[in-house]
Amino acid sequence: MSRPVVELHVPLVPAPDLPEGAYQFPWIEDIEEHLTEQDTVEELDDGEEVGDFYVFFITGAEESVLLEVAATTAALESVPSGTFAIVTDDESDEIGEGRRVELPRA
């Protein structure tokens, strides 16, 4: 039986006001830390670059819970605007195929 998966697509945008030579995407670590702190979900795989986005995969709960965690993640101050979710399942072979859900900024 398949499990729901939410792909969290974050625009691959460098963080503003970084010192020269600093890692351009510190929000990736912020998101990973935030997801690790969530007791209700688990990361399915490591995140990966897909085109102009960095994609995180969460599962382990009902769709509504996964989307709630995706929304709180998108609302983190360091996360670039334009982040959205794709609802799919763990049997999907392709990233980005599924129902798109806009995630509003808080």
PDB file of N, CA and C in Angstrom:
ATOM      1  N   MET A   1       0.846  -1.186   0.000  1.00  0.00           N
ATOM      2  CA  MET A   1       0.000   0.000   0.000  1.00  0.00           C
ATOM      3  C   MET A   1       0.887   1.244   0.000  1.00  0.00           C
ATOM      4  N   SER A   2       0.560   2.187  -0.834  1.00  0.00           N
ATOM      5  CA  SER A   2       1.393   3.392  -0.945  1.00  0.00           C
ATOM      6  C   SER A   2       1.149   4.330   0.230  1.00  0.00           C
ATOM      7  N   ARG A   3       2.182   5.119   0.537  1.00  0.00           N
ATOM      8  CA  ARG A   3       2.105   6.132   1.592  1.00  0.00           C
ATOM      9  C   ARG A   3       2.133   7.507   0.948  1.00  0.00           C
ATOM     10  N   PRO A   4       1.394   8.472   1.512  1.00  0.00           N
ATOM     11  CA  PRO A   4       1.456   9.822   0.956  1.00  0.00           C
ATOM     12  C   PRO A   4       2.836  10.436   1.172  1.00  0.00           C
ATOM     13  N   VAL A   5       3.244  11.221   0.209  1.00  0.00           N
ATOM     14  CA  VAL A   5       4.507  11.944   0.257  1.00  0.00           C
ATOM     15  C   VAL A   5       4.218  13.380  -0.157  1.00  0.00           C
ATOM     16  N   VAL A   6       4.822  14.313   0.548  1.00  0.00           N
ATOM     17  CA  VAL A   6       4.772  15.705   0.126  1.00  0.00           C
ATOM     18  C   VAL A   6       6.189  16.120  -0.242  1.00  0.00           C
ATOM     19  N   GLU A   7       6.316  16.589  -1.467  1.00  0.00           N
ATOM     20  CA  GLU A   7       7.583  17.160  -1.929  1.00  0.00           C
ATOM     21  C   GLU A   7       7.527  18.652  -1.638  1.00  0.00           C
ATOM     22  N   LEU A   8       8.514  19.155  -0.971  1.00  0.00           N
ATOM     23  CA  LEU A   8       8.606  20.578  -0.657  1.00  0.00           C
ATOM     24  C   LEU A   8       9.615  21.192  -1.622  1.00  0.00           C
ATOM     25  N   HIS A   9       9.118  21.999  -2.566  1.00  0.00           N
ATOM     26  CA  HIS A   9       9.952  22.608  -3.605  1.00  0.00           C
ATOM     27  C   HIS A   9      10.308  24.040  -3.193  1.00  0.00           C
ATOM     28  N   VAL A  10      11.590  24.270  -2.957  1.00  0.00           N
ATOM     29  CA  VAL A  10      12.065  25.572  -2.492  1.00  0.00           C
ATOM     30  C   VAL A  10      12.931  26.191  -3.592  1.00  0.00           C
ATOM     31  N   PRO A  11      12.601  27.411  -4.029  1.00  0.00           N
ATOM     32  CA  PRO A  11      13.415  28.044  -5.064  1.00  0.00           C
ATOM     33  C   PRO A  11      14.879  28.119  -4.630  1.00  0.00           C
ATOM     34  N   LEU A  12      15.753  27.726  -5.511  1.00  0.00           N
ATOM     35  CA  LEU A  12      17.185  27.697  -5.223  1.00  0.00           C
ATOM     36  C   LEU A  12      17.744  29.116  -5.357  1.00  0.00           C
ATOM     37  N   VAL A  13      17.438  29.932  -4.340  1.00  0.00           N
ATOM     38  CA  VAL A  13      17.803  31.346  -4.318  1.00  0.00           C
ATOM     39  C   VAL A  13      18.803  31.571  -3.192  1.00  0.00           C
ATOM     40  N   PRO A  14      19.927  32.215  -3.486  1.00  0.00           N
ATOM     41  CA  PRO A  14      20.886  32.490  -2.408  1.00  0.00           C
ATOM     42  C   PRO A  14      20.268  33.384  -1.333  1.00  0.00           C
ATOM     43  N   ALA A  15      20.660  33.141  -0.105  1.00  0.00           N
ATOM     44  CA  ALA A  15      20.203  33.980   1.005  1.00  0.00           C
ATOM     45  C   ALA A  15      20.755  35.389   0.815  1.00  0.00           C
ATOM     46  N   PRO A  16      19.982  36.400   1.169  1.00  0.00           N
ATOM     47  CA  PRO A  16      20.458  37.784   1.012  1.00  0.00           C
ATOM     48  C   PRO A  16      21.482  38.150   2.091  1.00  0.00           C
ATOM     49  N   ASP A  17      22.288  39.161   1.787  1.00  0.00           N
ATOM     50  CA  ASP A  17      23.204  39.774   2.750  1.00  0.00           C
ATOM     51  C   ASP A  17      24.203  38.804   3.361  1.00  0.00           C
ATOM     52  N   LEU A  18      24.715  37.897   2.547  1.00  0.00           N
ATOM     53  CA  LEU A  18      25.728  36.966   3.048  1.00  0.00           C
ATOM     54  C   LEU A  18      27.115  37.564   2.908  1.00  0.00           C
ATOM     55  N   PRO A  19      27.992  37.266   3.851  1.00  0.00           N
ATOM     56  CA  PRO A  19      29.371  37.718   3.689  1.00  0.00           C
ATOM     57  C   PRO A  19      30.028  36.987   2.508  1.00  0.00           C
ATOM     58  N   GLU A  20      31.018  37.610   1.926  1.00  0.00           N
ATOM     59  CA  GLU A  20      31.711  37.009   0.787  1.00  0.00           C
ATOM     60  C   GLU A  20      32.276  35.649   1.177  1.00  0.00           C
ATOM     61  N   GLY A  21      32.054  34.662   0.322  1.00  0.00           N
ATOM     62  CA  GLY A  21      32.568  33.319   0.542  1.00  0.00           C
ATOM     63  C   GLY A  21      31.672  32.440   1.395  1.00  0.00           C
ATOM     64  N   ALA A  22      30.567  32.974   1.904  1.00  0.00           N
ATOM     65  CA  ALA A  22      29.660  32.189   2.741  1.00  0.00           C
ATOM     66  C   ALA A  22      28.836  31.239   1.879  1.00  0.00           C
ATOM     67  N   TYR A  23      28.370  30.163   2.493  1.00  0.00           N
ATOM     68  CA  TYR A  23      27.489  29.209   1.821  1.00  0.00           C
ATOM     69  C   TYR A  23      26.212  29.934   1.410  1.00  0.00           C
ATOM     70  N   GLN A  24      25.841  29.830   0.144  1.00  0.00           N
ATOM     71  CA  GLN A  24      24.735  30.612  -0.416  1.00  0.00           C
ATOM     72  C   GLN A  24      23.349  30.149   0.018  1.00  0.00           C
ATOM     73  N   PHE A  25      23.225  28.930   0.483  1.00  0.00           N
ATOM     74  CA  PHE A  25      21.902  28.379   0.768  1.00  0.00           C
ATOM     75  C   PHE A  25      21.791  27.874   2.215  1.00  0.00           C
ATOM     76  N   PRO A  26      22.029  28.734   3.198  1.00  0.00           N
ATOM     77  CA  PRO A  26      21.951  28.268   4.591  1.00  0.00           C
ATOM     78  C   PRO A  26      20.554  27.835   4.997  1.00  0.00           C
ATOM     79  N   TRP A  27      19.545  28.255   4.248  1.00  0.00           N
ATOM     80  CA  TRP A  27      18.170  27.853   4.547  1.00  0.00           C
ATOM     81  C   TRP A  27      17.958  26.356   4.373  1.00  0.00           C
ATOM     82  N   ILE A  28      18.800  25.680   3.598  1.00  0.00           N
ATOM     83  CA  ILE A  28      18.684  24.217   3.453  1.00  0.00           C
ATOM     84  C   ILE A  28      18.878  23.566   4.817  1.00  0.00           C
ATOM     85  N   GLU A  29      19.897  24.012   5.549  1.00  0.00           N
ATOM     86  CA  GLU A  29      20.141  23.462   6.882  1.00  0.00           C
ATOM     87  C   GLU A  29      19.019  23.838   7.841  1.00  0.00           C
ATOM     88  N   ASP A  30      18.475  25.054   7.705  1.00  0.00           N
ATOM     89  CA  ASP A  30      17.346  25.465   8.552  1.00  0.00           C
ATOM     90  C   ASP A  30      16.146  24.540   8.335  1.00  0.00           C
ATOM     91  N   ILE A  31      15.880  24.220   7.077  1.00  0.00           N
ATOM     92  CA  ILE A  31      14.754  23.337   6.764  1.00  0.00           C
ATOM     93  C   ILE A  31      15.006  21.934   7.294  1.00  0.00           C
ATOM     94  N   GLU A  32      16.218  21.411   7.065  1.00  0.00           N
ATOM     95  CA  GLU A  32      16.533  20.069   7.555  1.00  0.00           C
ATOM     96  C   GLU A  32      16.376  19.989   9.073  1.00  0.00           C
ATOM     97  N   GLU A  33      16.835  21.015   9.774  1.00  0.00           N
ATOM     98  CA  GLU A  33      16.701  21.043  11.228  1.00  0.00           C
ATOM     99  C   GLU A  33      15.219  21.088  11.630  1.00  0.00           C
ATOM    100  N   HIS A  34      14.463  21.937  10.969  1.00  0.00           N
ATOM    101  CA  HIS A  34      13.032  22.053  11.263  1.00  0.00           C
ATOM    102  C   HIS A  34      12.312  20.720  11.050  1.00  0.00           C
ATOM    103  N   LEU A  35      12.602  20.061   9.943  1.00  0.00           N
ATOM    104  CA  LEU A  35      11.947  18.787   9.657  1.00  0.00           C
ATOM    105  C   LEU A  35      12.355  17.714  10.668  1.00  0.00           C
ATOM    106  N   THR A  36      13.597  17.726  11.101  1.00  0.00           N
ATOM    107  CA  THR A  36      14.069  16.772  12.103  1.00  0.00           C
ATOM    108  C   THR A  36      13.336  16.954  13.431  1.00  0.00           C
ATOM    109  N   GLU A  37      12.961  18.188  13.737  1.00  0.00           N
ATOM    110  CA  GLU A  37      12.275  18.491  14.994  1.00  0.00           C
ATOM    111  C   GLU A  37      10.801  18.086  14.979  1.00  0.00           C
ATOM    112  N   GLN A  38      10.265  17.750  13.828  1.00  0.00           N
ATOM    113  CA  GLN A  38       8.844  17.394  13.711  1.00  0.00           C
ATOM    114  C   GLN A  38       8.664  15.921  14.069  1.00  0.00           C
ATOM    115  N   ASP A  39       7.908  15.653  15.118  1.00  0.00           N
ATOM    116  CA  ASP A  39       7.682  14.273  15.554  1.00  0.00           C
ATOM    117  C   ASP A  39       6.674  13.537  14.686  1.00  0.00           C
ATOM    118  N   THR A  40       5.877  14.263  13.928  1.00  0.00           N
ATOM    119  CA  THR A  40       4.769  13.650  13.197  1.00  0.00           C
ATOM    120  C   THR A  40       5.140  13.210  11.782  1.00  0.00           C
ATOM    121  N   VAL A  41       6.319  13.599  11.292  1.00  0.00           N
ATOM    122  CA  VAL A  41       6.707  13.244   9.922  1.00  0.00           C
ATOM    123  C   VAL A  41       8.143  12.737   9.904  1.00  0.00           C
ATOM    124  N   GLU A  42       8.497  12.173   8.759  1.00  0.00           N
ATOM    125  CA  GLU A  42       9.878  11.750   8.551  1.00  0.00           C
ATOM    126  C   GLU A  42      10.301  12.150   7.146  1.00  0.00           C
ATOM    127  N   GLU A  43      11.595  12.383   6.993  1.00  0.00           N
ATOM    128  CA  GLU A  43      12.110  12.652   5.651  1.00  0.00           C
ATOM    129  C   GLU A  43      12.262  11.320   4.934  1.00  0.00           C
ATOM    130  N   LEU A  44      11.715  11.249   3.726  1.00  0.00           N
ATOM    131  CA  LEU A  44      11.757  10.009   2.954  1.00  0.00           C
ATOM    132  C   LEU A  44      13.148   9.775   2.383  1.00  0.00           C
ATOM    133  N   ASP A  45      13.722  10.779   1.783  1.00  0.00           N
ATOM    134  CA  ASP A  45      15.049  10.723   1.181  1.00  0.00           C
ATOM    135  C   ASP A  45      15.762  12.024   1.500  1.00  0.00           C
ATOM    136  N   ASP A  46      17.035  12.075   1.149  1.00  0.00           N
ATOM    137  CA  ASP A  46      17.755  13.337   1.252  1.00  0.00           C
ATOM    138  C   ASP A  46      17.193  14.293   0.216  1.00  0.00           C
ATOM    139  N   GLY A  47      17.240  15.587   0.530  1.00  0.00           N
ATOM    140  CA  GLY A  47      16.826  16.590  -0.442  1.00  0.00           C
ATOM    141  C   GLY A  47      17.762  16.577  -1.633  1.00  0.00           C
ATOM    142  N   GLU A  48      17.281  17.151  -2.732  1.00  0.00           N
ATOM    143  CA  GLU A  48      18.125  17.206  -3.926  1.00  0.00           C
ATOM    144  C   GLU A  48      17.739  18.381  -4.809  1.00  0.00           C
ATOM    145  N   GLU A  49      18.712  18.833  -5.586  1.00  0.00           N
ATOM    146  CA  GLU A  49      18.467  19.902  -6.555  1.00  0.00           C
ATOM    147  C   GLU A  49      17.726  19.323  -7.750  1.00  0.00           C
ATOM    148  N   VAL A  50      16.641  19.996  -8.117  1.00  0.00           N
ATOM    149  CA  VAL A  50      15.871  19.617  -9.292  1.00  0.00           C
ATOM    150  C   VAL A  50      15.587  20.917 -10.039  1.00  0.00           C
ATOM    151  N   GLY A  51      16.312  21.149 -11.108  1.00  0.00           N
ATOM    152  CA  GLY A  51      16.155  22.395 -11.856  1.00  0.00           C
ATOM    153  C   GLY A  51      16.483  23.585 -10.980  1.00  0.00           C
ATOM    154  N   ASP A  52      15.553  24.525 -10.876  1.00  0.00           N
ATOM    155  CA  ASP A  52      15.763  25.743 -10.098  1.00  0.00           C
ATOM    156  C   ASP A  52      15.246  25.623  -8.662  1.00  0.00           C
ATOM    157  N   PHE A  53      15.046  24.389  -8.194  1.00  0.00           N
ATOM    158  CA  PHE A  53      14.500  24.163  -6.865  1.00  0.00           C
ATOM    159  C   PHE A  53      15.358  23.165  -6.092  1.00  0.00           C
ATOM    160  N   TYR A  54      15.272  23.278  -4.772  1.00  0.00           N
ATOM    161  CA  TYR A  54      15.797  22.244  -3.889  1.00  0.00           C
ATOM    162  C   TYR A  54      14.566  21.556  -3.326  1.00  0.00           C
ATOM    163  N   VAL A  55      14.515  20.225  -3.435  1.00  0.00           N
ATOM    164  CA  VAL A  55      13.315  19.484  -3.080  1.00  0.00           C
ATOM    165  C   VAL A  55      13.579  18.597  -1.863  1.00  0.00           C
ATOM    166  N   PHE A  56      12.682  18.722  -0.875  1.00  0.00           N
ATOM    167  CA  PHE A  56      12.681  17.876   0.316  1.00  0.00           C
ATOM    168  C   PHE A  56      11.483  16.946   0.215  1.00  0.00           C
ATOM    169  N   PHE A  57      11.596  15.747   0.780  1.00  0.00           N
ATOM    170  CA  PHE A  57      10.543  14.747   0.699  1.00  0.00           C
ATOM    171  C   PHE A  57      10.132  14.348   2.111  1.00  0.00           C
ATOM    172  N   ILE A  58       8.853  14.542   2.455  1.00  0.00           N
ATOM    173  CA  ILE A  58       8.388  14.146   3.778  1.00  0.00           C
ATOM    174  C   ILE A  58       7.234  13.166   3.669  1.00  0.00           C
ATOM    175  N   THR A  59       7.166  12.263   4.631  1.00  0.00           N
ATOM    176  CA  THR A  59       6.130  11.231   4.664  1.00  0.00           C
ATOM    177  C   THR A  59       5.920  10.827   6.118  1.00  0.00           C
ATOM    178  N   GLY A  60       5.185   9.743   6.341  1.00  0.00           N
ATOM    179  CA  GLY A  60       5.023   9.209   7.683  1.00  0.00           C
ATOM    180  C   GLY A  60       3.779   9.684   8.404  1.00  0.00           C
ATOM    181  N   ALA A  61       2.901  10.389   7.707  1.00  0.00           N
ATOM    182  CA  ALA A  61       1.670  10.885   8.321  1.00  0.00           C
ATOM    183  C   ALA A  61       0.607  11.049   7.237  1.00  0.00           C
ATOM    184  N   GLU A  62      -0.595  11.408   7.673  1.00  0.00           N
ATOM    185  CA  GLU A  62      -1.664  11.689   6.721  1.00  0.00           C
ATOM    186  C   GLU A  62      -1.326  12.945   5.926  1.00  0.00           C
ATOM    187  N   GLU A  63      -1.920  13.061   4.753  1.00  0.00           N
ATOM    188  CA  GLU A  63      -1.665  14.194   3.862  1.00  0.00           C
ATOM    189  C   GLU A  63      -1.847  15.540   4.568  1.00  0.00           C
ATOM    190  N   SER A  64      -2.913  15.676   5.346  1.00  0.00           N
ATOM    191  CA  SER A  64      -3.180  16.965   6.007  1.00  0.00           C
ATOM    192  C   SER A  64      -2.048  17.347   6.969  1.00  0.00           C
ATOM    193  N   VAL A  65      -1.492  16.379   7.665  1.00  0.00           N
ATOM    194  CA  VAL A  65      -0.378  16.636   8.586  1.00  0.00           C
ATOM    195  C   VAL A  65       0.875  17.006   7.795  1.00  0.00           C
ATOM    196  N   LEU A  66       1.128  16.278   6.715  1.00  0.00           N
ATOM    197  CA  LEU A  66       2.290  16.572   5.873  1.00  0.00           C
ATOM    198  C   LEU A  66       2.204  17.994   5.321  1.00  0.00           C
ATOM    199  N   LEU A  67       1.018  18.389   4.873  1.00  0.00           N
ATOM    200  CA  LEU A  67       0.849  19.736   4.329  1.00  0.00           C
ATOM    201  C   LEU A  67       0.987  20.796   5.416  1.00  0.00           C
ATOM    202  N   GLU A  68       0.551  20.488   6.618  1.00  0.00           N
ATOM    203  CA  GLU A  68       0.713  21.430   7.731  1.00  0.00           C
ATOM    204  C   GLU A  68       2.197  21.642   8.033  1.00  0.00           C
ATOM    205  N   VAL A  69       2.964  20.563   8.040  1.00  0.00           N
ATOM    206  CA  VAL A  69       4.412  20.685   8.269  1.00  0.00           C
ATOM    207  C   VAL A  69       5.066  21.434   7.109  1.00  0.00           C
ATOM    208  N   ALA A  70       4.639  21.163   5.888  1.00  0.00           N
ATOM    209  CA  ALA A  70       5.175  21.879   4.724  1.00  0.00           C
ATOM    210  C   ALA A  70       4.907  23.376   4.862  1.00  0.00           C
ATOM    211  N   ALA A  71       3.697  23.733   5.311  1.00  0.00           N
ATOM    212  CA  ALA A  71       3.342  25.149   5.468  1.00  0.00           C
ATOM    213  C   ALA A  71       4.181  25.823   6.547  1.00  0.00           C
ATOM    214  N   THR A  72       4.387  25.148   7.680  1.00  0.00           N
ATOM    215  CA  THR A  72       5.211  25.759   8.735  1.00  0.00           C
ATOM    216  C   THR A  72       6.660  25.889   8.285  1.00  0.00           C
ATOM    217  N   THR A  73       7.103  24.949   7.456  1.00  0.00           N
ATOM    218  CA  THR A  73       8.465  25.019   6.921  1.00  0.00           C
ATOM    219  C   THR A  73       8.601  26.200   5.965  1.00  0.00           C
ATOM    220  N   ALA A  74       7.635  26.352   5.065  1.00  0.00           N
ATOM    221  CA  ALA A  74       7.668  27.454   4.100  1.00  0.00           C
ATOM    222  C   ALA A  74       7.618  28.812   4.789  1.00  0.00           C
ATOM    223  N   ALA A  75       7.023  28.847   5.996  1.00  0.00           N
ATOM    224  CA  ALA A  75       6.887  30.106   6.728  1.00  0.00           C
ATOM    225  C   ALA A  75       8.126  30.488   7.522  1.00  0.00           C
ATOM    226  N   LEU A  76       9.132  29.609   7.571  1.00  0.00           N
ATOM    227  CA  LEU A  76      10.364  29.964   8.269  1.00  0.00           C
ATOM    228  C   LEU A  76      10.966  31.221   7.633  1.00  0.00           C
ATOM    229  N   GLU A  77      11.479  32.092   8.452  1.00  0.00           N
ATOM    230  CA  GLU A  77      11.985  33.380   7.977  1.00  0.00           C
ATOM    231  C   GLU A  77      13.050  33.247   6.889  1.00  0.00           C
ATOM    232  N   SER A  78      13.909  32.246   6.994  1.00  0.00           N
ATOM    233  CA  SER A  78      15.013  32.111   6.045  1.00  0.00           C
ATOM    234  C   SER A  78      14.620  31.463   4.723  1.00  0.00           C
ATOM    235  N   VAL A  79      13.448  30.859   4.658  1.00  0.00           N
ATOM    236  CA  VAL A  79      13.040  30.112   3.460  1.00  0.00           C
ATOM    237  C   VAL A  79      12.578  31.085   2.373  1.00  0.00           C
ATOM    238  N   PRO A  80      13.112  30.930   1.155  1.00  0.00           N
ATOM    239  CA  PRO A  80      12.718  31.829   0.068  1.00  0.00           C
ATOM    240  C   PRO A  80      11.229  31.760  -0.248  1.00  0.00           C
ATOM    241  N   SER A  81      10.655  32.888  -0.627  1.00  0.00           N
ATOM    242  CA  SER A  81       9.253  32.892  -1.050  1.00  0.00           C
ATOM    243  C   SER A  81       9.136  32.127  -2.367  1.00  0.00           C
ATOM    244  N   GLY A  82       7.938  31.674  -2.636  1.00  0.00           N
ATOM    245  CA  GLY A  82       7.711  30.875  -3.843  1.00  0.00           C
ATOM    246  C   GLY A  82       7.808  29.381  -3.585  1.00  0.00           C
ATOM    247  N   THR A  83       7.960  28.994  -2.328  1.00  0.00           N
ATOM    248  CA  THR A  83       8.017  27.581  -1.972  1.00  0.00           C
ATOM    249  C   THR A  83       6.620  26.978  -2.121  1.00  0.00           C
ATOM    250  N   PHE A  84       6.542  25.783  -2.677  1.00  0.00           N
ATOM    251  CA  PHE A  84       5.261  25.105  -2.850  1.00  0.00           C
ATOM    252  C   PHE A  84       5.437  23.616  -2.580  1.00  0.00           C
ATOM    253  N   ALA A  85       4.310  22.919  -2.462  1.00  0.00           N
ATOM    254  CA  ALA A  85       4.321  21.480  -2.211  1.00  0.00           C
ATOM    255  C   ALA A  85       3.712  20.737  -3.391  1.00  0.00           C
ATOM    256  N   ILE A  86       4.155  19.521  -3.570  1.00  0.00           N
ATOM    257  CA  ILE A  86       3.543  18.581  -4.505  1.00  0.00           C
ATOM    258  C   ILE A  86       3.117  17.370  -3.689  1.00  0.00           C
ATOM    259  N   VAL A  87       1.835  17.019  -3.765  1.00  0.00           N
ATOM    260  CA  VAL A  87       1.320  15.850  -3.067  1.00  0.00           C
ATOM    261  C   VAL A  87       1.392  14.662  -4.011  1.00  0.00           C
ATOM    262  N   THR A  88       2.048  13.610  -3.564  1.00  0.00           N
ATOM    263  CA  THR A  88       2.219  12.412  -4.375  1.00  0.00           C
ATOM    264  C   THR A  88       2.215  11.208  -3.429  1.00  0.00           C
ATOM    265  N   ASP A  89       2.846  10.111  -3.841  1.00  0.00           N
ATOM    266  CA  ASP A  89       2.973   8.955  -2.949  1.00  0.00           C
ATOM    267  C   ASP A  89       4.327   8.301  -3.168  1.00  0.00           C
ATOM    268  N   ASP A  90       4.646   7.338  -2.309  1.00  0.00           N
ATOM    269  CA  ASP A  90       5.976   6.734  -2.352  1.00  0.00           C
ATOM    270  C   ASP A  90       6.165   5.759  -3.515  1.00  0.00           C
ATOM    271  N   GLU A  91       5.153   5.597  -4.356  1.00  0.00           N
ATOM    272  CA  GLU A  91       5.286   4.756  -5.544  1.00  0.00           C
ATOM    273  C   GLU A  91       5.535   5.572  -6.814  1.00  0.00           C
ATOM    274  N   SER A  92       5.544   6.888  -6.681  1.00  0.00           N
ATOM    275  CA  SER A  92       5.777   7.760  -7.827  1.00  0.00           C
ATOM    276  C   SER A  92       7.229   7.646  -8.286  1.00  0.00           C
ATOM    277  N   ASP A  93       7.411   7.580  -9.595  1.00  0.00           N
ATOM    278  CA  ASP A  93       8.753   7.460 -10.158  1.00  0.00           C
ATOM    279  C   ASP A  93       9.381   8.805 -10.498  1.00  0.00           C
ATOM    280  N   GLU A  94       8.574   9.840 -10.592  1.00  0.00           N
ATOM    281  CA  GLU A  94       9.057  11.144 -11.029  1.00  0.00           C
ATOM    282  C   GLU A  94       8.851  12.205  -9.965  1.00  0.00           C
ATOM    283  N   ILE A  95       9.830  13.073  -9.824  1.00  0.00           N
ATOM    284  CA  ILE A  95       9.712  14.216  -8.918  1.00  0.00           C
ATOM    285  C   ILE A  95       8.872  15.281  -9.611  1.00  0.00           C
ATOM    286  N   GLY A  96       7.965  15.880  -8.858  1.00  0.00           N
ATOM    287  CA  GLY A  96       7.171  16.977  -9.388  1.00  0.00           C
ATOM    288  C   GLY A  96       5.870  16.561 -10.034  1.00  0.00           C
ATOM    289  N   GLU A  97       5.568  15.261 -10.039  1.00  0.00           N
ATOM    290  CA  GLU A  97       4.296  14.797 -10.597  1.00  0.00           C
ATOM    291  C   GLU A  97       3.321  14.585  -9.459  1.00  0.00           C
ATOM    292  N   GLY A  98       2.234  15.288  -9.495  1.00  0.00           N
ATOM    293  CA  GLY A  98       1.234  15.189  -8.450  1.00  0.00           C
ATOM    294  C   GLY A  98       0.459  16.491  -8.372  1.00  0.00           C
ATOM    295  N   ARG A  99      -0.264  16.654  -7.289  1.00  0.00           N
ATOM    296  CA  ARG A  99      -1.099  17.842  -7.105  1.00  0.00           C
ATOM    297  C   ARG A  99      -0.270  18.942  -6.438  1.00  0.00           C
ATOM    298  N   ARG A 100      -0.228  20.098  -7.085  1.00  0.00           N
ATOM    299  CA  ARG A 100       0.517  21.238  -6.551  1.00  0.00           C
ATOM    300  C   ARG A 100      -0.332  21.976  -5.512  1.00  0.00           C
ATOM    301  N   VAL A 101       0.314  22.330  -4.392  1.00  0.00           N
ATOM    302  CA  VAL A 101      -0.350  23.068  -3.324  1.00  0.00           C
ATOM    303  C   VAL A 101       0.508  24.288  -3.008  1.00  0.00           C
ATOM    304  N   GLU A 102      -0.087  25.474  -3.130  1.00  0.00           N
ATOM    305  CA  GLU A 102       0.623  26.694  -2.800  1.00  0.00           C
ATOM    306  C   GLU A 102       0.739  26.800  -1.280  1.00  0.00           C
ATOM    307  N   LEU A 103       1.881  27.266  -0.814  1.00  0.00           N
ATOM    308  CA  LEU A 103       2.120  27.414   0.615  1.00  0.00           C
ATOM    309  C   LEU A 103       2.303  28.898   0.934  1.00  0.00           C
ATOM    310  N   PRO A 104       1.306  29.485   1.546  1.00  0.00           N
ATOM    311  CA  PRO A 104       1.388  30.929   1.821  1.00  0.00           C
ATOM    312  C   PRO A 104       2.448  31.244   2.866  1.00  0.00           C
ATOM    313  N   ARG A 105       3.022  32.420   2.741  1.00  0.00           N
ATOM    314  CA  ARG A 105       3.970  32.912   3.760  1.00  0.00           C
ATOM    315  C   ARG A 105       3.175  33.454   4.929  1.00  0.00           C
ATOM    316  N   ALA A 106       3.681  33.265   6.117  1.00  0.00           N
ATOM    317  CA  ALA A 106       2.994  33.780   7.311  1.00  0.00           C
ATOM    318  C   ALA A 106       3.176  35.289   7.415  1.00  0.00           C
TER     319      ALA A 106
END
